[in-house]
Protein backbone atom coordinates (compact mmCIF):
# COMPACT_ATOMS: atom_id res chain seq x y z
CA MET A 1 12.89 11.60 29.98
CA ILE A 2 10.85 10.32 26.99
CA SER A 3 8.92 12.21 24.32
CA THR A 4 6.59 9.87 22.46
CA ILE A 5 5.95 10.88 18.85
CA ILE A 6 3.09 9.15 17.06
CA ASN A 7 2.77 9.15 13.27
CA TYR A 8 -0.99 9.30 12.88
CA CYS A 9 -3.87 9.46 10.43
CA SER A 10 -7.60 8.85 10.83
CA LEU A 11 -7.25 5.31 9.45
CA ASP A 12 -5.71 4.38 12.81
CA LYS A 13 -8.46 5.97 14.90
CA ARG A 14 -9.52 2.69 16.53
CA PHE A 15 -6.09 2.43 18.21
CA ILE A 16 -5.30 6.00 19.26
CA ARG A 17 -7.11 6.16 22.61
CA ALA A 18 -5.52 2.97 23.93
CA GLN A 19 -2.16 4.04 22.50
CA VAL A 20 -2.22 7.40 24.29
CA GLU A 21 -3.53 5.86 27.51
CA GLN A 22 -0.61 3.44 27.59
CA ALA A 23 1.97 6.05 26.56
CA LYS A 24 0.98 8.25 29.49
CA TYR A 25 2.50 5.71 31.88
CA PHE A 26 6.05 6.56 30.81
CA SER A 27 6.01 9.69 28.62
CA ASP A 28 6.96 13.20 29.68
CA GLU A 29 5.10 14.42 26.59
CA ILE A 30 3.09 12.88 23.77
CA LEU A 31 3.05 14.48 20.34
CA ILE A 32 0.65 13.29 17.63
CA VAL A 33 1.82 14.29 14.14
CA PHE A 34 -0.47 14.04 11.12
CA PHE A 35 -0.90 15.38 7.59
CA ASP A 36 -3.85 17.34 6.28
CA HIS A 37 -4.35 14.63 3.65
CA LEU A 38 -3.95 10.88 3.48
CA LEU A 39 -1.16 9.71 1.21
CA ASN A 40 -3.74 9.00 -1.52
CA GLY A 41 -4.69 12.68 -1.56
CA LYS A 42 -7.95 12.43 0.39
CA PRO A 43 -8.41 15.32 2.89
CA ASP A 44 -7.95 14.04 6.43
CA ARG A 45 -7.41 16.92 8.83
CA GLU A 46 -11.03 17.20 9.94
CA GLU A 47 -11.30 13.42 10.41
CA VAL A 48 -8.13 13.41 12.53
CA ILE A 49 -9.36 16.25 14.73
CA LYS A 50 -12.70 14.47 15.17
CA SER A 51 -10.98 11.21 16.09
CA LEU A 52 -8.88 12.96 18.77
CA ASP A 53 -11.87 14.59 20.44
CA GLY A 54 -11.80 13.93 24.17
CA ILE A 55 -8.17 12.79 24.24
CA SER A 56 -6.29 14.95 26.75
CA GLY A 57 -2.65 15.37 27.69
CA VAL A 58 -1.28 15.37 24.14
CA LYS A 59 0.12 17.91 21.72
CA THR A 60 -0.73 17.81 18.02
CA LEU A 61 1.10 18.95 14.91
CA SER A 62 -0.62 19.20 11.51
CA LEU A 63 1.62 19.15 8.43
CA PRO A 64 0.87 19.85 4.75
CA TRP A 65 0.78 16.85 2.43
CA ASP A 66 3.00 17.20 -0.66
CA PRO A 67 1.64 15.24 -3.65
CA THR A 68 5.05 15.39 -5.35
CA MET A 69 6.77 13.46 -2.57
CA SER A 70 6.72 9.76 -1.69
CA GLY A 71 4.96 8.09 1.19
CA ARG A 72 8.29 7.28 2.82
CA PHE A 73 9.25 10.95 2.67
CA HIS A 74 6.07 11.85 4.53
CA HIS A 75 6.73 9.21 7.19
CA ASN A 76 10.24 10.56 7.67
CA TYR A 77 9.18 14.20 7.59
CA SER A 78 6.55 13.58 10.25
CA ARG A 79 9.14 12.09 12.61
CA TRP A 80 11.65 14.83 11.83
CA CYS A 81 9.19 17.62 12.65
CA GLY A 82 8.01 15.84 15.78
CA ALA A 83 11.55 15.33 17.03
CA GLY A 84 12.29 18.99 16.42
CA LEU A 85 9.56 19.97 18.87
CA ALA A 86 10.35 17.31 21.48
CA LYS A 87 11.81 18.43 24.81
CA SER A 88 13.09 15.15 26.23
CA GLU A 89 16.46 13.45 26.00
CA TRP A 90 14.86 10.35 24.52
CA ILE A 91 12.48 10.08 21.55
CA LEU A 92 10.11 7.15 21.09
CA PHE A 93 8.84 6.90 17.51
CA LEU A 94 5.56 5.00 17.22
CA ASP A 95 3.22 4.42 14.31
CA GLY A 96 -0.48 4.89 14.93
CA ASP A 97 -1.15 1.14 15.16
CA GLU A 98 1.53 0.28 17.74
CA ILE A 99 0.53 0.04 21.40
CA ILE A 100 3.00 -0.49 24.25
CA ASN A 101 2.05 -2.02 27.56
CA GLY A 102 2.76 1.23 29.37
CA SER A 103 3.02 -0.05 32.94
CA HIS A 104 5.52 -2.72 31.87
CA LEU A 105 7.71 -0.16 30.11
CA LYS A 106 7.51 2.17 33.10
CA ASN A 107 8.77 -0.65 35.33
CA LEU A 108 11.65 -1.35 32.94
CA ILE A 109 12.57 2.34 32.91
CA ASN A 110 12.53 2.49 36.70
CA ASN A 111 14.71 -0.61 36.96
CA PHE A 112 17.22 0.04 34.19
CA SER A 113 17.58 3.80 33.66
CA PRO A 114 19.77 5.61 33.01
CA PHE A 115 19.93 3.82 29.67
CA VAL A 116 23.41 2.86 28.49
CA PHE A 117 22.44 2.41 24.83
CA ASP A 118 21.93 4.92 22.02
CA ALA A 119 18.90 3.30 20.42
CA ALA A 120 16.53 0.44 21.06
CA THR A 121 13.68 -1.37 19.41
CA PHE A 122 10.92 -3.48 20.94
CA GLU A 123 10.09 -7.09 20.34
CA CYS A 124 6.39 -7.08 19.52
CA TYR A 125 3.36 -9.25 19.07
CA TRP A 126 1.76 -9.03 15.62
CA TYR A 127 -1.96 -9.32 14.86
CA PHE A 128 -4.06 -9.97 11.77
CA ARG A 129 -7.74 -9.05 11.22
CA GLU A 130 -8.78 -9.41 14.86
CA PRO A 131 -7.14 -8.05 18.07
CA THR A 132 -7.44 -11.58 19.47
CA ASN A 133 -5.65 -13.19 16.50
CA GLN A 134 -1.99 -13.07 17.57
CA ALA A 135 0.88 -14.41 15.47
CA LEU A 136 3.14 -17.07 16.93
CA THR A 137 6.07 -15.22 15.32
CA THR A 138 7.18 -11.97 16.93
CA GLU A 139 8.59 -8.92 15.15
CA ASN A 140 10.15 -5.59 16.14
CA ALA A 141 8.30 -2.28 16.29
CA GLY A 142 8.92 1.18 17.69
CA ILE A 143 12.26 2.94 17.93
CA LEU A 144 13.65 4.60 21.08
CA VAL A 145 16.62 6.85 20.31
CA ARG A 146 18.63 9.58 22.00
CA LYS A 147 17.52 12.92 20.62
CA ASN A 148 21.11 14.04 20.02
CA LYS A 149 21.56 11.12 17.59
CA ILE A 150 18.77 12.33 15.29
CA ASN A 151 20.00 14.01 12.12
CA THR A 152 18.94 14.34 8.49
CA ASN A 153 21.39 11.70 7.25
CA VAL A 154 19.67 8.89 9.14
CA ASN A 155 16.15 10.31 9.26
CA PHE A 156 15.50 10.75 5.54
CA THR A 157 16.19 7.31 4.08
CA ASP A 158 14.09 4.55 2.51
CA SER A 159 14.69 2.52 5.68
CA GLU A 160 12.73 5.20 7.57
CA ARG A 161 13.08 4.97 11.38
CA TRP A 162 15.07 1.72 11.15
CA SER A 163 18.00 3.80 9.92
CA TYR A 164 18.52 4.78 13.54
CA LEU A 165 19.72 1.24 14.21
CA GLU A 166 22.31 1.57 11.45
CA GLY A 167 23.57 5.15 11.81
CA PRO A 168 27.31 5.76 12.29
CA ASP A 169 26.63 7.69 15.50
CA ILE A 170 24.80 4.76 17.10
CA SER A 171 27.33 2.76 19.10
CA THR A 172 25.02 0.57 21.20
CA ILE A 173 21.61 -0.91 20.36
CA ALA A 174 19.31 -2.79 22.70
CA PRO A 175 16.29 -5.05 22.07
CA ILE A 176 13.65 -4.30 24.70
CA THR A 177 11.40 -7.02 26.07
CA SER A 178 10.40 -8.19 29.53
CA LEU A 179 10.63 -11.42 31.48
CA ASP A 180 7.04 -12.09 30.38
CA GLY A 181 7.78 -11.49 26.69
CA PRO A 182 7.17 -8.57 24.30
CA ILE A 183 5.61 -5.40 25.67
CA MET A 184 4.76 -3.97 22.24
CA HIS A 185 1.65 -4.90 20.26
CA HIS A 186 1.38 -4.15 16.54
CA PHE A 187 -2.20 -3.99 15.19
CA SER A 188 -1.45 -2.78 11.66
CA TRP A 189 -3.75 -5.31 9.95
CA VAL A 190 -6.53 -5.42 12.56
CA ARG A 191 -9.26 -4.00 10.34
CA ASN A 192 -12.43 -4.89 8.51
CA GLN A 193 -12.39 -5.22 4.71
CA GLN A 194 -13.05 -1.57 3.87
CA GLU A 195 -10.61 -0.34 6.54
CA MET A 196 -7.95 -2.65 5.16
CA ILE A 197 -8.52 -1.41 1.60
CA ASP A 198 -8.32 2.18 2.86
CA LYS A 199 -5.03 1.28 4.51
CA VAL A 200 -3.37 -0.37 1.52
CA THR A 201 -4.40 2.40 -0.89
CA SER A 202 -3.20 5.15 1.43
CA TRP A 203 0.05 4.08 3.07
CA GLY A 204 3.66 4.53 2.02
CA HIS A 205 3.96 0.94 0.73
CA LYS A 206 0.88 1.01 -1.48
CA ASN A 207 2.87 0.24 -4.64
CA ASP A 208 4.82 -2.68 -3.21
CA ARG A 209 2.21 -5.34 -4.08
CA ASP A 210 -1.33 -5.74 -5.45
CA TRP A 211 -2.74 -5.26 -1.97
CA VAL A 212 -6.36 -4.70 -2.95
CA SER A 213 -6.64 -8.10 -4.63
CA LEU A 214 -5.05 -9.75 -1.62
CA VAL A 215 -7.44 -8.00 0.76
CA ASN A 216 -10.52 -8.90 -1.27
CA ALA A 217 -9.46 -12.55 -1.45
CA GLU A 218 -8.79 -12.62 2.30
CA PHE A 219 -12.31 -11.52 3.18
CA GLN A 220 -13.88 -14.36 1.24
CA HIS A 221 -13.37 -16.48 4.37
CA PRO A 222 -13.31 -16.03 8.16
CA PRO A 223 -10.01 -15.20 9.88
CA GLY A 224 -7.84 -18.26 9.42
CA VAL A 225 -4.63 -19.68 10.75
CA THR A 226 -2.33 -17.65 8.50
CA ASP A 227 -2.12 -14.30 6.64
CA PHE A 228 -1.22 -12.98 3.18
CA VAL A 229 1.40 -10.52 4.47
CA HIS A 230 3.95 -12.82 6.12
CA GLY A 231 2.38 -16.26 6.23
CA TYR A 232 2.55 -16.41 10.02
CA ARG A 233 0.50 -18.83 12.09
CA TYR A 234 -1.82 -17.69 14.88
CA HIS A 235 -3.44 -18.44 18.20
CA LYS A 236 -6.22 -16.77 20.16
CA VAL A 237 -5.47 -14.32 22.98
CA PRO A 238 -7.57 -11.84 25.01
CA ASN A 239 -8.43 -8.43 23.57
CA PHE A 240 -5.83 -6.74 25.76
CA PHE A 241 -6.75 -3.12 24.95
CA ASN A 242 -10.46 -3.51 24.23
CA LEU A 243 -10.02 -2.60 20.58
């Protein structure tokens, strides 16, 4: 019923095992898509292959990095190629730092399928620096969409996967959560100083702000009660996925 497509690079290697383990609860297939270089031009294929060693039950797709194209293009192209290989009626697009509570989603699928919507996103918990440092504000992450709604007009935009919530062919959209709260966890900024610098110099939004200065200033003090990305406030939670 669901093909899970993960946009991946070696910078997200600390999350991939837990991500795949959770996705196996509900996925008919899992496809990890990556480029042979990071978006800053550093070769990455060997690092990706090394980081996936021992992970079973997944398919992988390696794509060539194009230095003439933007980071957003690469994000979109990765999802487009993954969706083209997917066999299921539904496509779940995840980034490499997003982990779903797989058993909770499986229960929701069992209780509410067949789905009556065309696309859905997931309310998520957001974390900064440590996997135990959870924001009090929730966001949305991950997109679940019917495969027959995927086309070039909505896939290749600056809004990236969020275009699937705005496309003219999408008639119904659902926010997915559970009675206990969000089932998605977004660990994008759970990194040490060097990992965070590697992230902000390599991702598709690297030119949006002076990220390196912000990162260096952040690591002049222990993890605090707020962050430089959104200004959220935080509380301590368990390390749910042993990251």
